[in-house]
């Protein structure tokens, strides 16, 4: 395996040197290539226990001869080498690779989702899919290719995506007669079919969802899960005969998105509407759930539910004979809503710590890892049998449990390994535990230890997992609330922003005023510009204090319409 990694390191090193010498290459391309090289070197160190040294590198002087020490078996080095608060970006890169969440790929901005991260996505899929089906939504699949003609019909909507649309222009060695785009979103793909399917009010509502991938060829610095050129998501597209039913669904879906974060990922979110500046292009209004990342003080958009009004139905002629007006046709009222694998990135950032990943129990691929400790040749069989029985009892009771019976790694190494991967509970089973018919449980998110009786162990574990979820949620909520400030003064606003806070302030709602607030709060320092604040949302639940009449921006003459939640964001 190490030979294969060496070959990859050499090839990637050559690519880094090529990009550094190429004046036409972008900084993003260079940074991505260097990150991939560092990740490969980390993989080499994990596999061999040694730092990678290039074949032609200058050799260090040999150390003085010392007395020979007894040989100790080498074991892979583990752990995160960067503290989360010291260098967040390096910490994130280490965690997602060492915890086996992603693998780098040779197309910039695209990543391999390994089973450990895909299990999180599967848990989200299962939870959300079962609930939208109760609302009458059905799953389907539409092609990933979009004709140029379809995109042209939707210029206003596609304007935000136009620079990021990827095009297929060749088939083999031949230029295609008409290039086709790869979907950045699927309105243009799906709505021509809706036009065919809707002829009468009896054909409505249409409630469809698809689980798929989309491609947005971003030129900003790519970051796994958070900003990638291809990502997985679900996108729901519905059409109704009246506005009231459509608007009702927008908020039903928003509540489900809040449930994904609160009930699965143990992340508190603020439900709200996007400002006019930030709303989905072509829609009447956009609702969102917004989370807070404490380590860098940024907000992150968790998912969005849009009311499209009749804008798209008029564009795509999705209409039907109006039963109340003979001879006239009425246009459908539409919604679209989406949640992506960005949710996994939010989970990593909110809960991860200096030891690595911390998984919320309800999305963890393994909820309990059972490890034998203190075994010798004389008691190994009985101890291993006990570990196997505990594991099988947990699995039979509906707990996602595995055991680690590998004998080529010691217990300490295994503890570090499973802590790095974020498993919520570690069971240690030693001779003393066996004698007392108990296990020692170690809780990942806070390091606490407690003894759990083998009698009724399944019920005890399920209660413990629920307690862990609640504690993780409450910890994230306390962090968020400690950094949630309210102010009406722009100078205090800027001070809170630089203290990694999100801020509630009175806002008039005008896009030009929001741009001024963003520019006024941009900070220049020795490390370059720190982005200004934008509206994350206008919270549905407004602060209890009275809304001032004046907007936050000093020279704005418009009246404030609501408290808006501002912050730096992804």
Protein backbone atom coordinates (compact mmCIF):
# COMPACT_ATOMS: atom_id res chain seq x y z
CA UNK A 1 0.00 0.00 0.00
CA UNK A 2 2.82 2.43 0.89
CA UNK A 3 4.36 2.00 -2.59
CA UNK A 4 1.08 3.08 -4.17
CA UNK A 5 0.91 6.14 -1.89
CA UNK A 6 4.54 7.03 -2.75
CA UNK A 7 3.68 6.95 -6.44
CA UNK A 8 0.66 9.22 -5.85
CA UNK A 9 2.79 11.64 -3.80
CA UNK A 10 5.42 11.83 -6.54
CA UNK A 11 2.77 12.46 -9.22
CA UNK A 12 0.99 15.08 -7.11
CA UNK A 13 4.30 16.75 -6.23
CA UNK A 14 5.05 17.07 -9.94
CA UNK A 15 1.62 18.61 -10.48
CA UNK A 16 2.21 21.16 -7.68
CA UNK A 17 5.55 22.16 -9.22
CA UNK A 18 3.92 22.47 -12.64
CA UNK A 19 1.18 24.74 -11.32
CA UNK A 20 3.65 26.92 -9.41
CA UNK A 21 5.64 27.44 -12.59
CA UNK A 22 2.57 28.11 -14.73
CA UNK A 23 1.71 31.82 -14.65
CA UNK A 24 -1.76 31.07 -16.04
CA UNK A 25 -2.74 28.76 -13.16
CA UNK A 26 -5.04 30.22 -10.50
CA UNK A 27 -4.33 30.45 -6.77
CA UNK A 28 -7.32 28.19 -6.12
CA UNK A 29 -5.85 25.48 -8.35
CA UNK A 30 -2.48 25.75 -6.59
CA UNK A 31 -4.07 25.62 -3.13
CA UNK A 32 -6.21 22.61 -4.04
CA UNK A 33 -3.19 20.76 -5.41
CA UNK A 34 -1.10 21.50 -2.30
CA UNK A 35 -3.94 20.35 -0.03
CA UNK A 36 -4.17 17.08 -1.92
CA UNK A 37 -0.38 16.60 -1.62
CA UNK A 38 -0.49 17.20 2.14
CA UNK A 39 -3.37 14.75 2.48
CA UNK A 40 -1.35 12.08 0.64
CA UNK A 41 1.64 12.68 2.93
CA UNK A 42 -0.64 12.30 5.94
CA UNK A 43 -1.90 9.01 4.52
CA UNK A 44 1.71 7.85 4.08
CA UNK A 45 2.52 8.76 7.69
CA UNK A 46 -0.53 6.87 8.93
CA UNK A 47 0.38 3.80 6.90
CA UNK A 48 4.09 3.71 7.80
CA UNK A 49 4.43 5.67 11.02
CA UNK A 50 7.09 7.87 9.37
CA UNK A 51 7.16 11.20 7.58
CA UNK A 52 7.48 11.00 3.82
CA UNK A 53 10.96 11.93 2.58
CA UNK A 54 11.55 12.55 -1.13
CA UNK A 55 14.20 10.25 -2.70
CA UNK A 56 16.49 13.16 -3.57
CA UNK A 57 15.91 15.14 -0.37
CA UNK A 58 18.92 16.29 1.66
CA UNK A 59 19.61 13.67 4.33
CA UNK A 60 19.97 14.67 7.94
CA UNK A 61 23.21 13.77 9.73
CA UNK A 62 22.99 10.35 11.37
CA UNK A 63 22.47 10.53 15.15
CA UNK A 64 25.20 9.46 17.54
CA UNK A 65 25.32 5.77 18.25
CA UNK A 66 23.18 4.93 21.26
CA UNK A 67 22.63 1.80 23.23
CA UNK A 68 20.26 -0.49 21.36
CA UNK A 69 16.75 -0.45 22.77
CA UNK A 70 14.42 -3.42 22.69
CA UNK A 71 12.30 -3.50 19.52
CA UNK A 72 8.78 -2.10 19.91
CA UNK A 73 6.16 -2.87 17.32
CA UNK A 74 5.38 0.20 15.20
CA UNK A 75 1.79 1.33 15.11
CA UNK A 76 0.17 3.91 12.87
CA UNK A 77 0.29 7.43 14.25
CA UNK A 78 -3.14 8.79 15.02
CA UNK A 79 -4.76 11.98 16.17
CA UNK A 80 -5.30 15.48 14.83
CA UNK A 81 -2.11 17.53 14.82
CA UNK A 82 -3.83 20.93 14.71
CA UNK A 83 -6.03 22.44 17.40
CA UNK A 84 -9.45 23.54 16.18
CA UNK A 85 -9.12 27.07 17.57
CA UNK A 86 -5.51 27.55 16.36
CA UNK A 87 -6.00 26.88 12.66
CA UNK A 88 -9.55 25.97 11.82
CA UNK A 89 -8.91 25.29 8.11
CA UNK A 90 -6.04 22.86 8.73
CA UNK A 91 -7.99 21.18 11.52
CA UNK A 92 -10.97 20.63 9.19
CA UNK A 93 -8.78 19.15 6.43
CA UNK A 94 -7.13 16.77 8.89
CA UNK A 95 -10.38 15.62 10.48
CA UNK A 96 -12.22 14.82 7.25
CA UNK A 97 -9.29 12.76 5.92
CA UNK A 98 -8.07 11.06 9.10
CA UNK A 99 -11.62 10.23 10.21
CA UNK A 100 -12.14 8.66 6.76
CA UNK A 101 -14.98 10.96 5.75
CA UNK A 102 -13.59 11.87 2.31
CA UNK A 103 -10.87 10.96 -0.14
CA UNK A 104 -9.38 13.55 -2.49
CA UNK A 105 -10.00 13.13 -6.19
CA UNK A 106 -8.04 14.19 -9.25
CA UNK A 107 -10.74 16.60 -10.47
CA UNK A 108 -10.51 19.82 -8.47
CA UNK A 109 -13.53 20.50 -6.29
CA UNK A 110 -14.80 16.90 -6.43
CA UNK A 111 -14.37 14.41 -3.58
CA UNK A 112 -15.03 10.78 -2.76
CA UNK A 113 -17.62 10.38 0.01
CA UNK A 114 -16.38 7.40 1.98
CA UNK A 115 -18.78 5.05 3.80
CA UNK A 116 -18.28 6.85 7.12
CA UNK A 117 -19.70 10.12 5.74
CA UNK A 118 -22.20 8.50 3.36
CA UNK A 119 -23.80 6.74 6.34
CA UNK A 120 -24.65 10.20 7.73
CA UNK A 121 -26.29 11.13 4.43
CA UNK A 122 -28.22 7.85 4.41
CA UNK A 123 -29.59 8.59 7.90
CA UNK A 124 -30.72 12.02 6.72
CA UNK A 125 -32.28 10.51 3.60
CA UNK A 126 -34.20 7.88 5.56
CA UNK A 127 -35.54 10.38 8.11
CA UNK A 128 -36.53 13.10 5.63
CA UNK A 129 -37.84 10.74 2.93
CA UNK A 130 -40.24 9.00 5.32
CA UNK A 131 -41.69 12.32 6.41
CA UNK A 132 -42.19 13.93 2.99
CA UNK A 133 -43.99 10.77 1.88
CA UNK A 134 -46.48 11.36 4.71
CA UNK A 135 -47.15 14.73 3.03
CA UNK A 136 -47.95 12.93 -0.23
CA UNK A 137 -44.60 13.59 -1.94
CA UNK A 138 -43.38 10.90 -4.36
CA UNK A 139 -39.81 10.26 -5.49
CA UNK A 140 -38.76 10.36 -9.14
CA UNK A 141 -35.67 10.94 -11.26
CA UNK A 142 -35.10 13.35 -14.14
CA UNK A 143 -32.05 13.50 -16.47
CA UNK A 144 -28.98 15.45 -15.43
CA UNK A 145 -28.60 17.18 -18.83
CA UNK A 146 -30.27 20.46 -19.75
CA UNK A 147 -30.64 21.84 -23.26
CA UNK A 148 -29.44 25.33 -24.01
CA UNK A 149 -32.97 26.22 -25.17
CA UNK A 150 -34.42 25.31 -21.77
CA UNK A 151 -31.82 27.44 -19.97
CA UNK A 152 -32.49 30.38 -22.28
CA UNK A 153 -36.18 30.33 -21.33
CA UNK A 154 -35.20 30.88 -17.74
CA UNK A 155 -32.61 33.65 -18.01
CA UNK A 156 -33.71 35.50 -14.88
CA UNK A 157 -33.52 32.43 -12.67
CA UNK A 158 -30.35 31.00 -14.18
CA UNK A 159 -28.47 34.33 -13.95
CA UNK A 160 -27.17 33.45 -10.47
CA UNK A 161 -25.90 30.09 -11.71
CA UNK A 162 -24.73 31.06 -15.21
CA UNK A 163 -20.99 31.42 -14.39
CA UNK A 164 -21.07 28.01 -12.67
CA UNK A 165 -22.90 26.00 -15.34
CA UNK A 166 -20.77 23.15 -16.71
CA UNK A 167 -21.24 22.30 -20.39
CA UNK A 168 -20.70 19.10 -22.36
CA UNK A 169 -19.32 20.17 -25.74
CA UNK A 170 -17.71 17.03 -27.17
CA UNK A 171 -18.71 13.41 -27.73
CA UNK A 172 -15.52 11.42 -28.27
CA UNK A 173 -13.47 13.40 -30.78
CA UNK A 174 -16.45 15.18 -32.32
CA UNK A 175 -17.84 18.56 -31.40
CA UNK A 176 -21.51 18.30 -30.44
CA UNK A 177 -24.00 20.08 -32.67
CA UNK A 178 -25.58 21.63 -29.60
CA UNK A 179 -23.81 21.67 -26.22
CA UNK A 180 -25.81 20.47 -23.23
CA UNK A 181 -25.49 21.74 -19.67
CA UNK A 182 -25.19 19.63 -16.53
CA UNK A 183 -27.95 20.62 -14.12
CA UNK A 184 -27.05 23.24 -11.51
CA UNK A 185 -30.66 22.76 -10.30
CA UNK A 186 -33.63 21.10 -11.99
CA UNK A 187 -36.41 23.63 -12.58
CA UNK A 188 -35.57 23.81 -16.28
CA UNK A 189 -35.36 20.01 -16.48
CA UNK A 190 -38.62 19.17 -14.73
CA UNK A 191 -41.09 21.91 -15.59
CA UNK A 192 -41.54 21.11 -19.32
CA UNK A 193 -42.93 17.75 -18.14
CA UNK A 194 -45.20 19.49 -15.62
CA UNK A 195 -46.64 21.47 -18.52
CA UNK A 196 -47.59 18.20 -20.26
CA UNK A 197 -49.03 16.62 -17.13
CA UNK A 198 -51.24 19.54 -16.02
CA UNK A 199 -54.36 20.10 -18.12
CA UNK A 200 -57.07 20.24 -15.46
CA UNK A 201 -57.25 21.36 -11.84
CA UNK A 202 -57.77 17.66 -11.11
CA UNK A 203 -54.16 17.03 -12.20
CA UNK A 204 -52.98 19.08 -9.22
CA UNK A 205 -51.26 18.99 -6.87
CA UNK A 206 -48.05 17.50 -8.22
CA UNK A 207 -45.63 16.65 -5.41
CA UNK A 208 -42.31 15.26 -6.62
CA UNK A 209 -38.86 14.93 -5.08
CA UNK A 210 -35.60 13.57 -6.42
CA UNK A 211 -32.40 12.51 -4.68
CA UNK A 212 -29.62 13.34 -7.09
CA UNK A 213 -26.36 15.16 -7.76
CA UNK A 214 -25.91 18.63 -9.22
CA UNK A 215 -22.86 20.40 -10.62
CA UNK A 216 -21.92 24.04 -10.03
CA UNK A 217 -18.45 24.83 -11.34
CA UNK A 218 -17.49 27.27 -8.61
CA UNK A 219 -14.26 29.24 -8.90
CA UNK A 220 -13.97 30.04 -5.21
CA UNK A 221 -11.67 27.93 -3.07
CA UNK A 222 -13.33 24.47 -2.88
CA UNK A 223 -13.88 22.91 0.56
CA UNK A 224 -15.22 19.35 1.01
CA UNK A 225 -18.93 19.30 1.90
CA UNK A 226 -19.14 23.10 2.11
CA UNK A 227 -18.24 24.28 -1.39
CA UNK A 228 -17.83 21.55 -3.99
CA UNK A 229 -18.33 21.42 -7.73
CA UNK A 230 -20.51 18.34 -7.48
CA UNK A 231 -22.72 17.61 -4.49
CA UNK A 232 -25.61 15.40 -3.49
CA UNK A 233 -28.97 16.78 -2.47
CA UNK A 234 -32.69 16.30 -2.57
CA UNK A 235 -34.82 18.75 -4.49
CA UNK A 236 -38.58 18.86 -4.16
CA UNK A 237 -40.75 20.49 -6.81
CA UNK A 238 -44.48 20.86 -6.23
CA UNK A 239 -47.38 22.55 -8.00
CA UNK A 240 -50.77 23.52 -6.55
CA UNK A 241 -54.06 24.94 -7.78
CA UNK A 242 -54.07 27.70 -5.14
CA UNK A 243 -51.55 29.87 -3.35
CA UNK A 244 -52.68 29.03 0.20
CA UNK A 245 -51.90 25.31 -0.13
CA UNK A 246 -48.55 26.05 -1.74
CA UNK A 247 -47.52 28.51 0.99
CA UNK A 248 -48.62 26.07 3.71
CA UNK A 249 -46.28 23.44 2.27
CA UNK A 250 -43.32 25.86 2.26
CA UNK A 251 -43.44 26.03 6.05
CA UNK A 252 -44.19 22.32 6.50
CA UNK A 253 -40.97 21.55 4.64
CA UNK A 254 -39.09 24.22 6.59
CA UNK A 255 -40.15 22.51 9.83
CA UNK A 256 -38.82 19.20 8.49
CA UNK A 257 -35.49 20.84 7.64
CA UNK A 258 -35.30 22.21 11.17
CA UNK A 259 -36.00 18.65 12.35
CA UNK A 260 -33.03 17.30 10.37
CA UNK A 261 -30.73 19.69 12.22
CA UNK A 262 -32.38 19.60 15.65
CA UNK A 263 -33.43 15.94 15.87
CA UNK A 264 -30.69 14.24 13.83
CA UNK A 265 -27.59 16.45 13.78
CA UNK A 266 -28.06 18.01 17.25
CA UNK A 267 -27.60 21.50 15.76
CA UNK A 268 -29.87 24.43 16.73
CA UNK A 269 -31.09 26.51 13.79
CA UNK A 270 -32.96 29.76 13.26
CA UNK A 271 -35.95 29.52 10.92
CA UNK A 272 -36.51 32.61 8.83
CA UNK A 273 -37.10 34.28 5.47
CA UNK A 274 -34.29 35.37 3.22
CA UNK A 275 -34.01 39.07 2.41
CA UNK A 276 -34.88 40.34 -1.07
CA UNK A 277 -31.17 40.45 -1.83
CA UNK A 278 -30.54 36.87 -0.72
CA UNK A 279 -33.73 35.10 -1.83
CA UNK A 280 -33.89 32.51 -4.63
CA UNK A 281 -33.91 34.21 -8.03
CA UNK A 282 -37.33 34.02 -9.67
CA UNK A 283 -39.15 33.11 -6.46
CA UNK A 284 -41.72 35.08 -4.47
CA UNK A 285 -39.97 34.36 -1.16
CA UNK A 286 -37.38 32.00 0.31
CA UNK A 287 -37.37 30.45 3.77
CA UNK A 288 -34.26 29.02 5.38
CA UNK A 289 -32.76 27.35 8.42
CA UNK A 290 -29.51 28.96 9.57
CA UNK A 291 -26.92 27.38 11.88
CA UNK A 292 -23.96 28.96 13.70
CA UNK A 293 -20.34 27.74 13.66
CA UNK A 294 -18.60 28.87 16.85
CA UNK A 295 -14.98 28.25 15.85
CA UNK A 296 -15.01 30.98 13.21
CA UNK A 297 -18.19 32.86 14.10
CA UNK A 298 -19.93 32.28 10.78
CA UNK A 299 -23.49 31.43 9.92
CA UNK A 300 -24.19 28.58 7.53
CA UNK A 301 -27.33 28.09 5.47
CA UNK A 302 -28.70 24.67 6.32
CA UNK A 303 -31.52 24.22 3.77
CA UNK A 304 -34.04 26.36 1.88
CA UNK A 305 -37.74 26.12 1.01
CA UNK A 306 -38.92 28.49 -1.73
CA UNK A 307 -42.35 29.71 -2.76
CA UNK A 308 -42.08 30.34 -6.47
CA UNK A 309 -45.54 31.87 -6.87
CA UNK A 310 -46.64 31.70 -10.52
CA UNK A 311 -43.33 32.93 -11.95
CA UNK A 312 -42.20 29.58 -13.29
CA UNK A 313 -45.66 28.30 -14.24
CA UNK A 314 -46.06 31.35 -16.49
CA UNK A 315 -42.59 30.86 -17.90
CA UNK A 316 -43.18 27.17 -18.66
CA UNK A 317 -46.94 27.46 -19.30
CA UNK A 318 -47.97 25.11 -16.49
CA UNK A 319 -51.67 25.95 -16.62
CA UNK A 320 -55.10 24.34 -16.52
CA UNK A 321 -58.71 25.18 -17.36
CA UNK A 322 -60.04 27.35 -14.57
CA UNK A 323 -63.30 25.73 -13.36
CA UNK A 324 -64.53 29.06 -11.99
CA UNK A 325 -63.91 30.99 -15.23
CA UNK A 326 -65.10 29.18 -18.30
CA UNK A 327 -62.72 29.40 -21.24
CA UNK A 328 -59.86 30.79 -19.16
CA UNK A 329 -56.69 29.09 -18.00
CA UNK A 330 -55.12 29.48 -14.57
CA UNK A 331 -51.47 29.10 -13.73
CA UNK A 332 -50.22 26.72 -11.03
CA UNK A 333 -48.61 27.90 -7.77
CA UNK A 334 -45.24 26.28 -7.24
CA UNK A 335 -42.63 25.53 -4.60
CA UNK A 336 -39.11 24.12 -4.64
CA UNK A 337 -37.01 23.03 -1.68
CA UNK A 338 -33.59 21.48 -1.15
CA UNK A 339 -31.16 20.05 1.40
CA UNK A 340 -27.62 18.97 0.50
CA UNK A 341 -24.52 17.20 1.81
CA UNK A 342 -23.41 20.62 3.10
CA UNK A 343 -25.32 19.49 6.21
CA UNK A 344 -22.49 17.01 6.89
CA UNK A 345 -19.94 19.83 6.80
CA UNK A 346 -22.02 21.82 9.30
CA UNK A 347 -22.14 18.79 11.61
CA UNK A 348 -18.34 18.36 11.48
CA UNK A 349 -17.69 22.03 12.22
CA UNK A 350 -20.22 22.44 15.02
CA UNK A 351 -19.40 19.28 17.00
CA UNK A 352 -15.80 18.32 16.12
CA UNK A 353 -13.02 18.90 18.67
CA UNK A 354 -9.25 18.64 19.01
CA UNK A 355 -9.46 14.83 19.06
CA UNK A 356 -11.33 14.70 15.76
CA UNK A 357 -14.88 13.99 14.67
CA UNK A 358 -17.79 13.93 17.14
CA UNK A 359 -20.82 12.19 15.66
CA UNK A 360 -24.38 12.80 16.87
CA UNK A 361 -25.75 9.34 17.80
CA UNK A 362 -28.71 9.35 15.42
CA UNK A 363 -26.56 9.67 12.27
CA UNK A 364 -23.50 7.67 13.38
CA UNK A 365 -22.62 4.62 11.29
CA UNK A 366 -21.47 3.01 14.55
CA UNK A 367 -23.13 4.17 17.77
CA UNK A 368 -21.21 1.85 20.11
CA UNK A 369 -17.76 0.34 19.61
CA UNK A 370 -16.92 -2.53 21.99
CA UNK A 371 -13.23 -3.01 22.82
CA UNK A 372 -11.69 -5.80 24.96
CA UNK A 373 -9.01 -4.58 27.41
CA UNK A 374 -6.52 -6.25 29.74
CA UNK A 375 -6.67 -9.67 28.12
CA UNK A 376 -3.99 -12.34 28.31
CA UNK A 377 -3.62 -15.70 26.64
CA UNK A 378 -5.34 -17.35 29.58
CA UNK A 379 -8.50 -15.19 29.50
CA UNK A 380 -8.63 -14.03 25.89
CA UNK A 381 -11.26 -16.48 24.66
CA UNK A 382 -13.73 -15.79 27.47
CA UNK A 383 -13.23 -12.02 27.14
CA UNK A 384 -13.63 -12.05 23.36
CA UNK A 385 -16.76 -14.20 23.69
CA UNK A 386 -18.22 -11.67 26.15
CA UNK A 387 -17.42 -8.77 23.79
CA UNK A 388 -19.05 -10.66 20.92
CA UNK A 389 -22.19 -11.34 22.97
CA UNK A 390 -22.53 -7.72 24.12
CA UNK A 391 -22.18 -6.56 20.51
CA UNK A 392 -24.73 -9.05 19.17
CA UNK A 393 -27.21 -8.17 21.92
CA UNK A 394 -26.93 -4.48 21.03
CA UNK A 395 -27.37 -5.13 17.30
CA UNK A 396 -30.36 -7.38 17.96
CA UNK A 397 -31.88 -4.57 20.02
CA UNK A 398 -31.57 -2.04 17.18
CA UNK A 399 -28.32 -0.35 18.24
CA UNK A 400 -25.63 0.19 15.59
CA UNK A 401 -22.74 -1.58 17.33
CA UNK A 402 -19.45 -3.18 16.29
CA UNK A 403 -16.52 -4.69 18.15
CA UNK A 404 -12.79 -4.25 17.59
CA UNK A 405 -11.05 -7.58 18.20
CA UNK A 406 -7.90 -6.78 16.23
CA UNK A 407 -4.86 -8.13 18.05
CA UNK A 408 -2.22 -6.26 16.04
CA UNK A 409 -3.22 -2.98 17.72
CA UNK A 410 -3.20 -2.26 21.43
CA UNK A 411 -6.17 -0.87 23.35
CA UNK A 412 -4.76 2.68 23.48
CA UNK A 413 -4.42 2.81 19.71
CA UNK A 414 -7.99 1.58 19.31
CA UNK A 415 -9.28 4.21 21.75
CA UNK A 416 -7.61 6.98 19.73
CA UNK A 417 -8.82 5.50 16.44
CA UNK A 418 -12.50 5.40 17.42
CA UNK A 419 -12.31 8.78 19.15
CA UNK A 420 -10.92 10.27 15.94
CA UNK A 421 -13.84 8.74 14.02
CA UNK A 422 -16.28 10.22 16.52
CA UNK A 423 -18.14 7.09 17.70
CA UNK A 424 -20.58 8.30 20.41
CA UNK A 425 -19.94 5.50 22.95
CA UNK A 426 -16.95 3.23 23.57
CA UNK A 427 -17.51 0.13 25.68
CA UNK A 428 -14.41 -1.24 27.39
CA UNK A 429 -14.72 -4.84 28.59
CA UNK A 430 -11.96 -6.16 30.85
CA UNK A 431 -11.62 -9.05 33.34
CA UNK A 432 -12.93 -6.90 36.22
CA UNK A 433 -15.91 -5.75 34.15
CA UNK A 434 -16.66 -9.36 33.26
CA UNK A 435 -16.54 -10.41 36.91
CA UNK A 436 -19.02 -7.66 37.82
CA UNK A 437 -21.22 -8.33 34.74
CA UNK A 438 -20.80 -4.78 33.50
CA UNK A 439 -19.02 -2.72 30.87
CA UNK A 440 -17.22 0.62 31.18
CA UNK A 441 -18.80 3.21 28.89
CA UNK A 442 -16.74 6.19 27.68
CA UNK A 443 -18.75 9.04 26.15
CA UNK A 444 -17.05 10.62 23.13
CA UNK A 445 -18.39 14.17 23.31
CA UNK A 446 -17.39 14.86 26.94
CA UNK A 447 -15.00 12.02 27.91
CA UNK A 448 -17.10 10.92 30.88
CA UNK A 449 -16.90 7.30 32.08
CA UNK A 450 -19.65 5.24 33.67
CA UNK A 451 -20.39 1.61 34.38
CA UNK A 452 -23.31 -0.04 32.59
CA UNK A 453 -24.76 -3.36 33.75
CA UNK A 454 -24.96 -6.14 31.16
CA UNK A 455 -28.49 -6.80 32.40
CA UNK A 456 -30.84 -4.60 30.39
CA UNK A 457 -27.90 -3.20 28.45
CA UNK A 458 -29.92 -2.42 25.29
CA UNK A 459 -32.42 -0.20 27.11
CA UNK A 460 -29.59 1.50 29.03
CA UNK A 461 -27.70 2.25 25.81
CA UNK A 462 -30.76 3.68 24.05
CA UNK A 463 -31.37 6.02 26.98
CA UNK A 464 -27.69 6.98 26.99
CA UNK A 465 -27.73 7.74 23.25
CA UNK A 466 -30.75 10.02 23.68
CA UNK A 467 -28.99 11.77 26.58
CA UNK A 468 -25.88 12.27 24.44
CA UNK A 469 -27.96 13.82 21.64
CA UNK A 470 -29.61 16.21 24.10
CA UNK A 471 -26.29 17.19 25.67
CA UNK A 472 -24.67 17.82 22.28
CA UNK A 473 -27.63 19.94 21.18
CA UNK A 474 -27.62 21.95 24.40
CA UNK A 475 -23.87 22.56 24.17
CA UNK A 476 -24.23 23.87 20.60
CA UNK A 477 -27.25 25.96 21.64
CA UNK A 478 -25.32 27.52 24.54
CA UNK A 479 -22.42 28.37 22.20
CA UNK A 480 -24.83 29.92 19.68
CA UNK A 481 -26.77 31.92 22.24
CA UNK A 482 -23.57 33.22 23.86
CA UNK A 483 -22.66 34.70 20.48
CA UNK A 484 -26.11 35.99 19.53
CA UNK A 485 -26.24 39.75 20.13
CA UNK A 486 -28.82 42.46 19.55
CA UNK A 487 -27.88 46.04 18.68
CA UNK A 488 -29.18 49.12 16.90
CA UNK A 489 -25.77 50.81 16.63
CA UNK A 490 -23.54 50.17 13.59
CA UNK A 491 -20.26 50.58 15.54
CA UNK A 492 -21.38 48.09 18.19
CA UNK A 493 -22.56 45.88 15.31
CA UNK A 494 -19.05 45.84 13.81
CA UNK A 495 -17.49 45.14 17.22
CA UNK A 496 -19.77 42.13 17.78
CA UNK A 497 -19.04 40.88 14.28
CA UNK A 498 -15.28 40.90 14.94
CA UNK A 499 -15.95 38.99 18.17
CA UNK A 500 -17.36 36.12 16.07
CA UNK A 501 -20.98 36.93 16.83
CA UNK A 502 -24.18 36.85 14.82
CA UNK A 503 -26.32 39.92 15.36
CA UNK A 504 -30.01 40.83 15.41
CA UNK A 505 -30.54 44.40 14.18
CA UNK A 506 -33.44 46.43 12.79
CA UNK A 507 -33.47 46.36 8.99
CA UNK A 508 -35.46 48.13 6.29
CA UNK A 509 -35.22 45.20 3.85
CA UNK A 510 -33.82 47.11 0.86
CA UNK A 511 -31.07 45.32 -1.12
CA UNK A 512 -29.05 48.51 -1.53
CA UNK A 513 -29.08 49.09 2.23
CA UNK A 514 -27.95 45.53 2.88
CA UNK A 515 -25.03 46.08 0.52
CA UNK A 516 -24.05 49.23 2.42
CA UNK A 517 -24.13 47.35 5.74
CA UNK A 518 -21.93 44.66 4.22
CA UNK A 519 -19.42 47.20 2.92
CA UNK A 520 -19.40 49.15 6.21
CA UNK A 521 -18.66 46.00 8.21
CA UNK A 522 -15.85 44.73 5.96
CA UNK A 523 -12.63 44.89 7.94
CA UNK A 524 -9.13 45.35 6.58
CA UNK A 525 -6.25 44.03 8.64
CA UNK A 526 -2.75 42.66 8.18
CA UNK A 527 -4.15 39.36 6.96
CA UNK A 528 -6.31 40.94 4.28
CA UNK A 529 -10.02 41.77 4.11
CA UNK A 530 -12.48 40.13 6.48
CA UNK A 531 -15.83 39.81 4.74
CA UNK A 532 -18.65 42.05 5.86
CA UNK A 533 -21.96 40.90 7.29
CA UNK A 534 -24.96 39.96 5.22
CA UNK A 535 -28.46 39.01 6.30
CA UNK A 536 -28.61 35.34 7.19
CA UNK A 537 -32.40 35.59 7.49
CA UNK A 538 -35.29 37.56 8.93
CA UNK A 539 -36.24 35.24 11.82
CA UNK A 540 -39.83 34.02 11.88
CA UNK A 541 -39.68 34.35 15.66
CA UNK A 542 -38.79 37.99 16.30
CA UNK A 543 -37.14 39.30 19.50
CA UNK A 544 -39.53 40.25 22.30
CA UNK A 545 -38.22 43.80 22.49
CA UNK A 546 -40.00 46.50 20.50
CA UNK A 547 -38.77 47.07 16.94
CA UNK A 548 -37.08 50.51 16.61
CA UNK A 549 -38.37 52.66 13.78
CA UNK A 550 -34.90 53.31 12.36
CA UNK A 551 -32.88 50.90 10.22
CA UNK A 552 -29.41 49.88 11.42
CA UNK A 553 -27.52 51.74 8.69
CA UNK A 554 -27.02 55.32 9.94
CA UNK A 555 -27.87 57.19 6.73
CA UNK A 556 -30.86 55.00 5.80
CA UNK A 557 -34.12 56.99 5.83
CA UNK A 558 -36.41 53.96 5.49
CA UNK A 559 -38.27 52.52 8.47
CA UNK A 560 -37.16 49.20 9.89
CA UNK A 561 -39.53 46.36 8.93
CA UNK A 562 -38.13 43.63 11.20
CA UNK A 563 -35.11 42.46 13.13
CA UNK A 564 -32.77 40.69 10.69
CA UNK A 565 -30.10 38.19 11.69
CA UNK A 566 -26.75 39.36 10.31
CA UNK A 567 -23.39 37.61 10.22
CA UNK A 568 -20.41 36.50 8.22
CA UNK A 569 -21.33 33.37 6.35
CA UNK A 570 -20.25 30.53 4.07
